[in-house]
Amino acid sequence: MAERLYLYDTTLRDGQQTQGVQFSTEEKVQIAGALDALGVDYIEGGWPGANPTDSAFFEVAPATKAVMTAFGMTKRAGRSAENDEVLAGVMNAGTPAVCLVGKSHDYHVTHALGIALEENLENIRASVAHIVAQGREALFDAEHFFDGYKDNAEYALEACRAALEAGARWVVLCDTNGGALPSEVFRIVSEVVAAGIPGDRLGIHTHNDTENAVACSLAAVEAGARQIQGTLNGLGERCGNANLTAIIPTLLLKEPYASQFETGVSAAALADLTRVSRMLDDILNRVPTKQAAYVGASAFAHKAGLHASAILKDPSTYEHVDPALVGNARIIPMSNQAGQSNLRKRLRDAGLSVENGDPSLGIILETIKLREAQGYSYDTAQASFELLAREELGQLPEFFEVKRYKVTVERRKNKYNRMISLSEAVVVVKVDGEKRLSVSESLDESGSDRGPVNALAKALRKDLGRYSKTLDDMRLVDFKVRITQGGTEAVTRVIIDSEDSQGRRWSTVGVSPNIIDASFEALLDAIRWKLIRDGGAADAV
C-alpha cells in the first residue's frame, strides 16, 4: 500500500521573502485558493503580527480543505508561553495549525539568542505544549538543523525530541542556509530516523543556494521524511525554496515515488499545474521562466531536426513525461537548425497542411535561415514564424495595409508644472479600400508616459474598421530588446509577447537598425496573428 506524503506550501510566507515580492491581501487569498484546488495539505498563510498584510490575510482567509497554518517563533526567554505577546499574536489568528521556528544549532542558541542550551529546549517544550493545549496542531521548524547536526548532533536531536515530547505533530528539519547537499541530507535524515524520531513525524524544508533544494527534498523522502515544504515556482529569500512545481509532478509521475507514495494532488489537479505556475508569475508581473522543469514554455520544446523527427514517431524518444499531464504543451521551434521534420510539425500545429516534398518547405527553411542571419529569431517568436510560412504558402490574408506611420517624442510640462515625456504616434492604414488616419498619445490614465511603442500600438489599433473589435481583449505583456550587432551598424531585435482573454500567449519578432521600426514590425505581426486566430476576415461576411 502506498505511503502518504504531505505537501506543505509556504509561498505566502517564505515565498514572500523573495526580493521584490510583496503580496496584497487579495493576492494572498487568490493564491491560497489555487493551492487548495491543487491539493496541498498545508497552506502557511504568513506570520500574523509581523506585518499588516499577513494579519489582514488571516482575518479573511478562505475556507480550505488544506490545513491553514500560522507561522511564528517559540516563546522568548524569561517569560511564559501564556504571557508572550508575539506567540499570542500567532495564536490569535485562530488557525487549526501553528508552525513555530526554534533553534536547533547550539552555536545559534549561545551566540544569537545568548541563552543556555537547556533554556532553549525548555522554550521549545513550553511553546509546543501551549499550542497543543489550545487544541491546535503543532509543527516545529528546527532552524539550521543540518548545520547544527554536523556541529553537535546530540543537541540538534534533543531540540527535535523536545518538540515531539511536548506534542508536536511534525518536526521539520530545515536547511536554513541552503548549503546541504543531497548525500548529506539523506545520511542525516536516515540517522535521525535511526535515533528514534519516526519518519512519519518528520518534514523537510530546504533552500536552493546550491541549486539542490528539490534534490535534497527528495533525498529526505527516500531517507524517511514524510512531509515536504516548498513554494510555487521556488520563491524564497536568496536563491529560493524547494520548488513545488517540480517536486509535485516528480512525486506523481516518476519512479520509485509514483508507486511508493500518494499525495493529495489528483491527476486532474496536476494537469492544472502549468496554469497555476503562470498565474503566480502574472500576479508578480514576471515573465515565466521558460526553462522551468515541467511547467516552462521550453520544457517540451524540440529544436534540433533529428529530435523533431523522432518526436513525430514517438514522443517518448525525447520527452520524459507527457506534457499534457502537467498542463503544458509540446513545441517544435523554428530556427536555422531546423529540418523539414520540425517544419512539417509546426505547420500542422498552425493548421497549415503541406504535402511531404512540397517545394515550399525548402523555400520556407531557406527564408528562415536567411532572416535569422539578419538578426531574426523564430525560435522565440512562433507567431512570426507562422506568418512567414503563411506568406510563402500564399495563405496570409491582407487585413489592412499600413501606408505610413510616424512617432514624435517631446518634453512638456504637465498640469502640475512638471516636465514629462510625451510620445505621439500617427498611423495611416488602408482598410477595405479606405484610408484611415489615427493619432494617439502614450499617456495613461494617471498621466504617466508609456513610451513611443505604446503610442504606436494605441494608434494602430484605434481604427482598423471591422477588425478593431477582434483586438479588444489583446494586450502586450512583455517587450524585449536585443542589439544583435555592435558598432555603427548595430541591428536591434525586438520580441513582443502578447496575450488575450482566452489565455493565449504568443511572441512576435521585428528587426531593424531603428528600434521603433523593429517594434512596429513585431507589433504588426502580433495583431495579424490574433486576427487570423480569431477569424478576423470573417467579419467581411
Protein backbone atom coordinates (compact mmCIF):
# COMPACT_ATOMS: atom_id res chain seq x y z
CA MET A 1 0.00 0.00 0.00
CA ALA A 2 1.29 3.44 -0.92
CA GLU A 3 2.54 5.66 1.91
CA ARG A 4 1.11 9.12 2.36
CA LEU A 5 3.34 12.11 1.69
CA TYR A 6 2.18 15.51 2.94
CA LEU A 7 2.78 18.72 1.00
CA TYR A 8 3.26 21.93 2.94
CA ASP A 9 3.22 25.16 0.93
CA THR A 10 4.90 28.28 2.30
CA THR A 11 4.58 30.55 -0.75
CA LEU A 12 2.56 33.09 1.21
CA ARG A 13 5.15 33.32 3.98
CA ASP A 14 8.63 32.14 2.98
CA GLY A 15 7.94 32.87 -0.69
CA GLN A 16 7.16 36.44 0.24
CA GLN A 17 10.75 36.76 1.49
CA THR A 18 11.81 36.92 -2.18
CA GLN A 19 13.44 40.22 -3.02
CA GLY A 20 10.88 42.45 -4.73
CA VAL A 21 7.86 40.30 -3.77
CA GLN A 22 5.07 41.71 -1.61
CA PHE A 23 1.64 40.15 -1.93
CA SER A 24 -1.50 42.12 -1.26
CA THR A 25 -4.17 40.54 0.91
CA GLU A 26 -6.33 39.92 -2.17
CA GLU A 27 -3.44 38.23 -3.96
CA LYS A 28 -2.77 36.00 -0.97
CA VAL A 29 -6.41 34.93 -0.98
CA GLN A 30 -6.21 34.15 -4.71
CA ILE A 31 -3.03 32.10 -4.30
CA ALA A 32 -4.44 30.23 -1.31
CA GLY A 33 -7.46 29.23 -3.38
CA ALA A 34 -5.24 27.93 -6.18
CA LEU A 35 -3.08 25.98 -3.72
CA ASP A 36 -6.15 24.40 -2.16
CA ALA A 37 -7.50 23.37 -5.55
CA LEU A 38 -4.10 21.90 -6.38
CA GLY A 39 -4.35 19.61 -3.36
CA VAL A 40 -1.58 20.62 -0.96
CA ASP A 41 -2.12 19.53 2.63
CA TYR A 42 -0.98 22.65 4.46
CA ILE A 43 -1.04 26.31 3.47
CA GLU A 44 1.20 28.55 5.57
CA GLY A 45 -0.53 31.90 5.36
CA GLY A 46 2.13 34.07 6.97
CA TRP A 47 3.26 35.41 10.33
CA PRO A 48 0.33 37.20 11.99
CA GLY A 49 1.51 40.30 13.76
CA ALA A 50 4.72 40.53 11.76
CA ASN A 51 3.21 42.86 9.15
CA PRO A 52 -0.25 44.28 8.35
CA THR A 53 -0.76 42.18 5.20
CA ASP A 54 -0.24 38.87 6.99
CA SER A 55 -2.51 39.90 9.83
CA ALA A 56 -5.20 41.04 7.38
CA PHE A 57 -4.98 37.77 5.45
CA PHE A 58 -5.88 35.64 8.46
CA GLU A 59 -8.94 37.81 9.03
CA VAL A 60 -10.28 37.00 5.54
CA ALA A 61 -8.54 33.69 4.80
CA PRO A 62 -10.75 31.44 2.66
CA ALA A 63 -12.12 28.17 3.97
CA THR A 64 -9.85 25.45 2.62
CA LYS A 65 -9.57 21.69 2.66
CA ALA A 66 -5.87 22.26 3.28
CA VAL A 67 -4.88 22.94 6.88
CA MET A 68 -4.42 26.71 7.20
CA THR A 69 -1.30 27.36 9.25
CA ALA A 70 0.06 30.42 11.03
CA PHE A 71 3.80 30.83 11.44
CA GLY A 72 5.67 32.26 14.40
CA MET A 73 8.55 31.58 16.75
CA THR A 74 8.95 29.85 20.08
CA LYS A 75 8.45 31.94 23.18
CA ARG A 76 11.22 34.24 24.28
CA ALA A 77 13.41 33.52 27.26
CA GLY A 78 12.33 34.94 30.60
CA ARG A 79 8.58 34.74 30.09
CA SER A 80 5.95 32.02 29.95
CA ALA A 81 4.28 30.85 26.75
CA GLU A 82 0.98 32.21 28.07
CA ASN A 83 2.47 35.69 28.53
CA ASP A 84 4.50 36.03 25.33
CA GLU A 85 2.69 38.64 23.22
CA VAL A 86 4.41 37.56 19.99
CA LEU A 87 3.27 33.97 20.45
CA ALA A 88 -0.17 35.24 21.45
CA GLY A 89 -0.42 37.16 18.18
CA VAL A 90 0.21 33.94 16.25
CA MET A 91 -2.33 32.01 18.30
CA ASN A 92 -4.92 34.75 17.85
CA ALA A 93 -5.01 34.06 14.11
CA GLY A 94 -7.23 31.12 15.03
CA THR A 95 -5.72 28.68 12.53
CA PRO A 96 -6.08 24.92 13.12
CA ALA A 97 -2.29 24.54 12.90
CA VAL A 98 0.63 26.65 14.13
CA CYS A 99 4.23 26.27 12.98
CA LEU A 100 6.92 27.65 15.27
CA VAL A 101 10.55 28.12 14.35
CA GLY A 102 13.18 27.48 17.00
CA LYS A 103 16.90 26.99 17.27
CA SER A 104 18.42 23.53 16.84
CA HIS A 105 22.02 24.67 16.30
CA ASP A 106 23.88 25.07 19.60
CA TYR A 107 26.02 27.94 18.26
CA HIS A 108 22.93 29.98 17.40
CA VAL A 109 21.48 29.34 20.85
CA THR A 110 24.53 30.55 22.75
CA HIS A 111 25.61 33.33 20.36
CA ALA A 112 22.46 34.57 18.55
CA LEU A 113 20.00 34.12 21.41
CA GLY A 114 22.58 34.38 24.17
CA ILE A 115 20.88 31.81 26.41
CA ALA A 116 21.77 28.42 27.86
CA LEU A 117 21.22 25.31 25.78
CA GLU A 118 18.76 23.81 28.24
CA GLU A 119 16.76 27.03 28.39
CA ASN A 120 16.28 26.87 24.63
CA LEU A 121 14.98 23.32 24.93
CA GLU A 122 12.54 24.45 27.58
CA ASN A 123 11.34 27.28 25.32
CA ILE A 124 10.59 24.70 22.62
CA ARG A 125 8.75 22.37 25.04
CA ALA A 126 6.66 25.12 26.61
CA SER A 127 5.72 26.74 23.29
CA VAL A 128 4.65 23.50 21.62
CA ALA A 129 2.76 22.37 24.73
CA HIS A 130 0.90 25.69 24.77
CA ILE A 131 -0.24 25.21 21.17
CA VAL A 132 -1.38 21.65 21.82
CA ALA A 133 -3.23 22.69 24.98
CA GLN A 134 -5.26 25.11 22.84
CA GLY A 135 -6.37 22.25 20.62
CA ARG A 136 -4.14 23.23 17.67
CA GLU A 137 -1.87 21.07 15.58
CA ALA A 138 1.74 22.00 16.34
CA LEU A 139 4.67 21.97 13.93
CA PHE A 140 8.25 22.74 14.93
CA ASP A 141 10.68 24.14 12.36
CA ALA A 142 14.13 23.12 13.53
CA GLU A 143 16.10 26.08 12.22
CA HIS A 144 19.66 25.47 10.95
CA PHE A 145 19.17 21.76 11.69
CA PHE A 146 21.66 20.32 9.21
CA ASP A 147 24.45 22.73 10.12
CA GLY A 148 23.64 22.18 13.78
CA TYR A 149 23.64 18.40 13.39
CA LYS A 150 27.09 18.47 11.81
CA ASP A 151 28.41 20.57 14.73
CA ASN A 152 26.53 18.92 17.60
CA ALA A 153 24.31 16.04 16.54
CA GLU A 154 23.06 15.20 20.03
CA TYR A 155 21.85 18.72 20.75
CA ALA A 156 20.10 19.02 17.36
CA LEU A 157 18.31 15.76 18.13
CA GLU A 158 17.40 16.96 21.63
CA ALA A 159 15.68 20.01 20.12
CA CYS A 160 13.60 17.73 17.93
CA ARG A 161 12.78 15.38 20.81
CA ALA A 162 11.73 18.34 22.98
CA ALA A 163 9.12 19.32 20.38
CA LEU A 164 7.86 15.78 19.86
CA GLU A 165 7.58 15.04 23.57
CA ALA A 166 5.56 18.24 24.00
CA GLY A 167 3.07 17.03 21.38
CA ALA A 168 4.26 18.35 18.02
CA ARG A 169 2.70 16.55 15.06
CA TRP A 170 5.63 17.40 12.82
CA VAL A 171 9.28 18.24 13.35
CA VAL A 172 10.63 19.90 10.21
CA LEU A 173 14.35 19.67 9.53
CA CYS A 174 15.43 22.97 7.98
CA ASP A 175 18.43 23.57 5.77
CA THR A 176 18.15 27.27 6.56
CA ASN A 177 21.34 28.41 4.80
CA GLY A 178 20.76 26.15 1.80
CA GLY A 179 24.24 24.64 1.84
CA ALA A 180 23.45 20.96 2.46
CA LEU A 181 23.91 18.52 -0.41
CA PRO A 182 21.60 15.60 -1.24
CA SER A 183 24.00 12.94 0.04
CA GLU A 184 24.34 14.80 3.36
CA VAL A 185 20.58 15.20 3.71
CA PHE A 186 20.00 11.50 3.03
CA ARG A 187 22.61 10.44 5.56
CA ILE A 188 21.50 12.80 8.30
CA VAL A 189 17.76 12.14 7.91
CA SER A 190 18.50 8.41 7.96
CA GLU A 191 20.44 8.86 11.21
CA VAL A 192 17.63 10.94 12.71
CA VAL A 193 15.15 8.15 11.99
CA ALA A 194 17.57 5.55 13.37
CA ALA A 195 17.87 7.67 16.53
CA GLY A 196 14.20 7.04 17.25
CA ILE A 197 12.40 10.01 15.65
CA PRO A 198 9.70 8.49 13.41
CA GLY A 199 9.84 9.34 9.72
CA ASP A 200 6.09 9.91 9.64
CA ARG A 201 6.65 12.80 12.08
CA LEU A 202 9.48 14.36 10.05
CA GLY A 203 9.32 17.14 7.47
CA ILE A 204 12.00 18.67 5.23
CA HIS A 205 12.48 22.36 4.43
CA THR A 206 15.29 23.20 2.00
CA HIS A 207 16.66 26.29 0.30
CA ASN A 208 18.17 26.44 -3.16
CA ASP A 209 21.54 28.10 -2.58
CA THR A 210 23.39 25.23 -4.31
CA GLU A 211 20.59 24.55 -6.84
CA ASN A 212 19.85 21.34 -4.91
CA ALA A 213 16.66 22.16 -2.98
CA VAL A 214 14.47 19.73 -4.94
CA ALA A 215 17.12 17.00 -4.87
CA CYS A 216 17.63 17.47 -1.11
CA SER A 217 13.86 17.26 -0.51
CA LEU A 218 13.63 14.01 -2.46
CA ALA A 219 16.68 12.65 -0.62
CA ALA A 220 14.95 13.35 2.68
CA VAL A 221 11.87 11.46 1.50
CA GLU A 222 14.00 8.50 0.48
CA ALA A 223 15.56 8.56 3.94
CA GLY A 224 12.16 8.52 5.66
CA ALA A 225 10.72 12.06 5.93
CA ARG A 226 7.03 12.23 5.07
CA GLN A 227 6.33 15.95 4.81
CA ILE A 228 7.85 18.23 2.15
CA GLN A 229 7.82 22.01 2.47
CA GLY A 230 8.27 24.26 -0.54
CA THR A 231 6.89 27.11 -2.62
CA LEU A 232 5.30 27.62 -6.01
CA ASN A 233 7.93 28.42 -8.65
CA GLY A 234 10.64 28.11 -5.98
CA LEU A 235 10.02 31.55 -4.50
CA GLY A 236 12.01 32.38 -1.38
CA GLU A 237 14.78 34.51 0.04
CA ARG A 238 18.20 34.49 -1.58
CA CYS A 239 18.08 31.68 -4.18
CA GLY A 240 14.62 30.46 -3.22
CA ASN A 241 12.99 27.43 -1.63
CA ALA A 242 12.35 23.92 -2.89
CA ASN A 243 10.15 24.29 -5.96
CA LEU A 244 6.81 22.51 -5.56
CA THR A 245 6.08 22.85 -9.28
CA ALA A 246 9.00 20.45 -9.82
CA ILE A 247 8.53 18.31 -6.70
CA ILE A 248 4.82 17.56 -7.17
CA PRO A 249 4.99 16.13 -10.72
CA THR A 250 8.14 14.22 -9.82
CA LEU A 251 6.32 12.54 -6.94
CA LEU A 252 3.29 11.72 -9.09
CA LEU A 253 4.97 10.77 -12.37
CA LYS A 254 8.45 9.43 -11.66
CA GLU A 255 9.50 6.13 -10.11
CA PRO A 256 10.02 4.99 -7.44
CA TYR A 257 7.93 7.81 -5.96
CA ALA A 258 4.78 7.34 -8.06
CA SER A 259 4.20 3.76 -6.93
CA GLN A 260 5.57 4.11 -3.40
CA PHE A 261 3.74 7.27 -2.28
CA GLU A 262 0.46 9.08 -2.61
CA THR A 263 -0.31 12.77 -2.12
CA GLY A 264 -3.42 14.91 -2.06
CA VAL A 265 -2.83 16.02 -5.66
CA SER A 266 -5.11 14.33 -8.20
CA ALA A 267 -4.31 13.74 -11.87
CA ALA A 268 -6.83 16.42 -12.79
CA ALA A 269 -5.22 18.94 -10.42
CA LEU A 270 -1.76 18.05 -11.76
CA ALA A 271 -2.99 18.93 -15.26
CA ASP A 272 -3.64 22.45 -13.94
CA LEU A 273 -0.10 22.88 -12.60
CA THR A 274 1.25 24.94 -15.50
CA ARG A 275 -1.68 27.35 -15.28
CA VAL A 276 -1.18 27.77 -11.51
CA SER A 277 2.53 28.41 -12.01
CA ARG A 278 1.88 31.08 -14.63
CA MET A 279 -0.91 32.59 -12.55
CA LEU A 280 1.66 33.29 -9.83
CA ASP A 281 4.02 34.87 -12.34
CA ASP A 282 1.18 37.02 -13.59
CA ILE A 283 0.42 38.20 -10.05
CA LEU A 284 4.10 39.07 -9.63
CA ASN A 285 4.19 40.74 -13.06
CA ARG A 286 7.07 38.45 -14.01
CA VAL A 287 7.80 36.68 -17.26
CA PRO A 288 7.59 32.91 -16.62
CA THR A 289 10.94 31.10 -16.64
CA LYS A 290 10.99 29.30 -19.98
CA GLN A 291 13.43 26.62 -18.81
CA ALA A 292 11.45 25.74 -15.66
CA ALA A 293 11.07 21.97 -15.28
CA TYR A 294 7.65 20.60 -16.25
CA VAL A 295 5.86 23.99 -16.49
CA GLY A 296 8.27 26.14 -18.53
CA ALA A 297 7.43 27.13 -22.10
CA SER A 298 10.63 25.41 -23.24
CA ALA A 299 10.25 22.31 -21.04
CA PHE A 300 8.97 20.33 -24.03
CA ALA A 301 10.49 22.33 -26.90
CA HIS A 302 12.44 20.37 -29.51
CA LYS A 303 14.72 22.49 -31.66
CA ALA A 304 17.04 20.01 -33.37
CA GLY A 305 15.66 18.48 -36.56
CA LEU A 306 16.76 14.97 -35.50
CA HIS A 307 14.81 15.30 -32.26
CA ALA A 308 11.69 16.57 -34.02
CA SER A 309 11.76 13.71 -36.49
CA ALA A 310 11.84 11.17 -33.65
CA ILE A 311 9.17 13.06 -31.68
CA LEU A 312 6.79 12.73 -34.62
CA LYS A 313 7.20 8.94 -34.48
CA ASP A 314 7.20 8.52 -30.69
CA PRO A 315 7.19 11.46 -28.24
CA SER A 316 8.86 9.36 -25.54
CA THR A 317 12.08 9.36 -27.53
CA TYR A 318 12.87 12.87 -26.28
CA GLU A 319 10.25 13.55 -23.56
CA HIS A 320 10.46 12.08 -20.08
CA VAL A 321 6.72 12.63 -19.45
CA ASP A 322 3.68 13.59 -21.49
CA PRO A 323 3.49 17.42 -21.28
CA ALA A 324 -0.33 17.27 -21.09
CA LEU A 325 -0.09 15.57 -17.68
CA VAL A 326 1.14 18.86 -16.17
CA GLY A 327 -0.94 21.11 -18.40
CA ASN A 328 1.94 22.01 -20.69
CA ALA A 329 2.36 21.57 -24.45
CA ARG A 330 4.95 20.34 -26.89
CA ILE A 331 6.67 22.99 -29.03
CA ILE A 332 8.67 22.48 -32.21
CA PRO A 333 10.51 25.81 -32.57
CA MET A 334 11.76 27.09 -35.89
CA SER A 335 15.36 28.18 -36.28
CA ASN A 336 18.30 27.89 -38.63
CA GLN A 337 18.99 24.46 -37.13
CA ALA A 338 15.55 23.24 -38.13
CA GLY A 339 14.90 20.46 -40.60
CA GLN A 340 11.77 19.60 -42.55
CA SER A 341 10.51 17.39 -39.70
CA ASN A 342 10.32 20.41 -37.41
CA LEU A 343 8.76 22.45 -40.18
CA ARG A 344 6.01 20.00 -41.07
CA LYS A 345 5.10 19.51 -37.40
CA ARG A 346 4.98 23.25 -36.75
CA LEU A 347 2.90 23.88 -39.87
CA ARG A 348 0.40 21.21 -38.82
CA ASP A 349 0.14 22.79 -35.36
CA ALA A 350 -0.72 26.07 -37.09
CA GLY A 351 -3.42 24.40 -39.15
CA LEU A 352 -1.40 24.52 -42.37
CA SER A 353 -1.41 21.41 -44.50
CA VAL A 354 1.64 20.91 -46.75
CA GLU A 355 2.41 17.70 -48.58
CA ASN A 356 5.74 15.99 -47.97
CA GLY A 357 8.15 17.08 -50.68
CA ASP A 358 6.33 20.33 -51.43
CA PRO A 359 8.97 22.79 -52.72
CA SER A 360 7.51 25.43 -50.39
CA LEU A 361 9.11 23.61 -47.45
CA GLY A 362 12.60 24.22 -48.79
CA ILE A 363 11.78 27.85 -49.57
CA ILE A 364 10.47 28.45 -46.04
CA LEU A 365 13.56 26.87 -44.47
CA GLU A 366 15.90 28.94 -46.60
CA THR A 367 13.95 32.10 -45.80
CA ILE A 368 14.19 31.36 -42.08
CA LYS A 369 17.93 30.78 -42.27
CA LEU A 370 18.44 33.98 -44.26
CA ARG A 371 16.33 36.09 -41.91
CA GLU A 372 17.95 34.64 -38.78
CA ALA A 373 21.31 35.60 -40.26
CA GLN A 374 19.90 39.15 -40.38
CA GLY A 375 19.03 39.01 -36.67
CA TYR A 376 15.55 37.47 -36.52
CA SER A 377 14.82 34.74 -34.01
CA TYR A 378 11.97 32.39 -34.90
CA ASP A 379 12.98 30.05 -32.11
CA THR A 380 11.43 32.52 -29.66
CA ALA A 381 8.77 34.06 -31.92
CA GLN A 382 6.44 31.28 -33.01
CA ALA A 383 3.68 33.60 -34.20
CA SER A 384 6.03 35.47 -36.56
CA PHE A 385 7.21 32.13 -37.93
CA GLU A 386 3.64 31.15 -38.72
CA LEU A 387 3.02 34.42 -40.57
CA LEU A 388 6.22 33.96 -42.55
CA ALA A 389 5.17 30.45 -43.54
CA ARG A 390 1.67 31.60 -44.49
CA GLU A 391 3.13 34.31 -46.70
CA GLU A 392 5.34 31.81 -48.55
CA LEU A 393 2.36 29.46 -48.93
CA GLY A 394 0.09 32.23 -50.18
CA GLN A 395 -2.18 31.84 -47.14
CA LEU A 396 -1.65 35.19 -45.39
CA PRO A 397 -4.79 37.36 -45.51
CA GLU A 398 -4.20 41.07 -46.05
CA PHE A 399 -6.48 42.51 -43.42
CA PHE A 400 -5.13 46.02 -43.83
CA GLU A 401 -2.19 47.87 -45.31
CA VAL A 402 -0.01 50.31 -43.39
CA LYS A 403 0.62 53.29 -45.65
CA ARG A 404 2.83 55.28 -43.26
CA TYR A 405 3.48 55.94 -39.59
CA LYS A 406 5.38 58.47 -37.53
CA VAL A 407 6.34 58.85 -33.88
CA THR A 408 7.45 62.03 -32.15
CA VAL A 409 8.71 62.45 -28.60
CA GLU A 410 8.75 65.76 -26.80
CA ARG A 411 9.26 67.11 -23.32
CA ARG A 412 6.48 69.29 -21.93
CA LYS A 413 5.06 70.45 -18.62
CA ASN A 414 2.04 68.71 -17.21
CA LYS A 415 -0.75 70.25 -15.14
CA TYR A 416 1.47 70.01 -12.05
CA ASN A 417 4.13 72.09 -13.84
CA ARG A 418 6.48 69.12 -14.02
CA MET A 419 8.44 68.17 -17.12
CA ILE A 420 7.32 64.86 -18.64
CA SER A 421 7.98 62.95 -21.84
CA LEU A 422 5.14 62.64 -24.28
CA SER A 423 5.14 60.29 -27.26
CA GLU A 424 2.68 60.82 -30.08
CA ALA A 425 2.11 58.38 -32.93
CA VAL A 426 0.36 58.87 -36.27
CA VAL A 427 -0.60 55.77 -38.28
CA VAL A 428 -2.27 55.72 -41.67
CA VAL A 429 -3.78 52.41 -42.78
CA LYS A 430 -5.86 51.29 -45.73
CA VAL A 431 -8.79 49.04 -44.80
CA ASP A 432 -11.28 47.81 -47.41
CA GLY A 433 -10.04 50.42 -49.87
CA GLU A 434 -10.43 53.29 -47.41
CA LYS A 435 -7.57 55.24 -45.83
CA ARG A 436 -7.83 55.84 -42.09
CA LEU A 437 -5.62 58.13 -40.01
CA SER A 438 -5.27 57.61 -36.25
CA VAL A 439 -3.35 59.65 -33.69
CA SER A 440 -2.60 58.53 -30.13
CA GLU A 441 -0.52 59.71 -27.21
CA SER A 442 1.36 57.49 -24.81
CA LEU A 443 -0.05 58.92 -21.59
CA ASP A 444 -2.06 56.51 -19.43
CA GLU A 445 -4.96 57.36 -17.12
CA SER A 446 -2.57 58.54 -14.40
CA GLY A 447 -0.75 60.89 -16.77
CA SER A 448 2.39 58.73 -16.95
CA ASP A 449 4.23 58.34 -20.24
CA ARG A 450 4.16 54.76 -21.55
CA GLY A 451 6.63 55.36 -24.37
CA PRO A 452 6.61 55.51 -28.17
CA VAL A 453 5.79 51.83 -28.74
CA ASN A 454 2.71 52.18 -26.58
CA ALA A 455 1.65 55.21 -28.61
CA LEU A 456 2.14 53.25 -31.83
CA ALA A 457 0.12 50.31 -30.54
CA LYS A 458 -2.75 52.55 -29.50
CA ALA A 459 -2.75 54.43 -32.80
CA LEU A 460 -2.61 51.27 -34.91
CA ARG A 461 -5.48 49.62 -33.07
CA LYS A 462 -7.55 52.78 -32.79
CA ASP A 463 -9.34 52.44 -36.13
CA LEU A 464 -8.95 49.25 -38.12
CA GLY A 465 -12.55 49.26 -39.19
CA ARG A 466 -14.26 45.90 -38.90
CA TYR A 467 -11.15 44.35 -37.36
CA SER A 468 -10.94 46.58 -34.29
CA LYS A 469 -13.42 44.65 -32.15
CA THR A 470 -11.38 41.43 -32.51
CA LEU A 471 -8.44 43.18 -30.86
CA ASP A 472 -10.33 44.49 -27.80
CA ASP A 473 -9.05 41.75 -25.47
CA MET A 474 -5.46 41.77 -26.74
CA ARG A 475 -2.70 43.26 -24.61
CA LEU A 476 1.10 43.44 -24.74
CA VAL A 477 2.65 41.78 -21.70
CA ASP A 478 6.38 41.87 -22.40
CA PHE A 479 8.81 43.79 -24.56
CA LYS A 480 12.41 42.62 -25.01
CA VAL A 481 15.17 44.43 -26.90
CA ARG A 482 18.47 42.94 -28.00
CA ILE A 483 21.30 44.50 -30.01
CA THR A 484 22.43 41.72 -32.36
CA GLN A 485 25.36 43.56 -33.93
CA GLY A 486 27.59 46.19 -32.42
CA GLY A 487 29.19 49.38 -33.64
CA THR A 488 27.73 51.87 -36.04
CA GLU A 489 25.92 49.10 -37.94
CA ALA A 490 24.06 47.89 -34.86
CA VAL A 491 20.86 45.93 -35.52
CA THR A 492 18.05 45.84 -32.96
CA ARG A 493 15.85 42.81 -32.40
CA VAL A 494 12.56 43.31 -30.57
CA ILE A 495 10.46 40.46 -29.18
CA ILE A 496 6.90 41.30 -28.13
CA ASP A 497 4.80 38.91 -26.03
CA SER A 498 1.03 39.33 -26.29
CA GLU A 499 -1.93 37.63 -24.68
CA ASP A 500 -5.73 37.72 -24.80
CA SER A 501 -8.70 36.84 -22.63
CA GLN A 502 -8.73 33.28 -23.95
CA GLY A 503 -5.44 32.62 -22.19
CA ARG A 504 -3.40 32.52 -25.39
CA ARG A 505 0.09 33.95 -25.31
CA TRP A 506 2.17 34.50 -28.43
CA SER A 507 5.53 36.03 -29.38
CA THR A 508 6.50 38.06 -32.43
CA VAL A 509 9.79 39.49 -33.66
CA GLY A 510 10.94 42.59 -35.53
CA VAL A 511 14.45 43.53 -36.67
CA SER A 512 15.81 46.88 -37.84
CA PRO A 513 18.65 49.31 -37.17
CA ASN A 514 15.85 51.53 -35.82
CA ILE A 515 14.21 50.32 -32.60
CA ILE A 516 10.89 51.95 -33.49
CA ASP A 517 10.75 50.16 -36.84
CA ALA A 518 11.68 46.83 -35.22
CA SER A 519 8.99 47.35 -32.59
CA PHE A 520 6.36 48.24 -35.17
CA GLU A 521 7.16 45.14 -37.22
CA ALA A 522 6.73 42.91 -34.16
CA LEU A 523 3.54 44.76 -33.25
CA LEU A 524 2.07 44.26 -36.72
CA ASP A 525 2.80 40.54 -36.56
CA ALA A 526 1.13 40.29 -33.16
CA ILE A 527 -2.06 41.90 -34.48
CA ARG A 528 -2.13 39.86 -37.69
CA TRP A 529 -1.67 36.60 -35.79
CA LYS A 530 -4.55 37.50 -33.47
CA LEU A 531 -6.81 38.33 -36.42
CA ILE A 532 -6.00 35.01 -38.08
CA ARG A 533 -6.64 33.04 -34.91
CA ASP A 534 -9.96 34.76 -34.25
CA GLY A 535 -11.13 34.72 -37.84
CA GLY A 536 -10.90 38.47 -38.30
CA ALA A 537 -11.59 38.15 -42.01
CA ALA A 538 -14.95 36.54 -41.26
CA ASP A 539 -16.29 39.98 -40.35
CA ALA A 540 -16.41 40.72 -44.07
CA VAL A 541 -19.43 38.47 -44.50
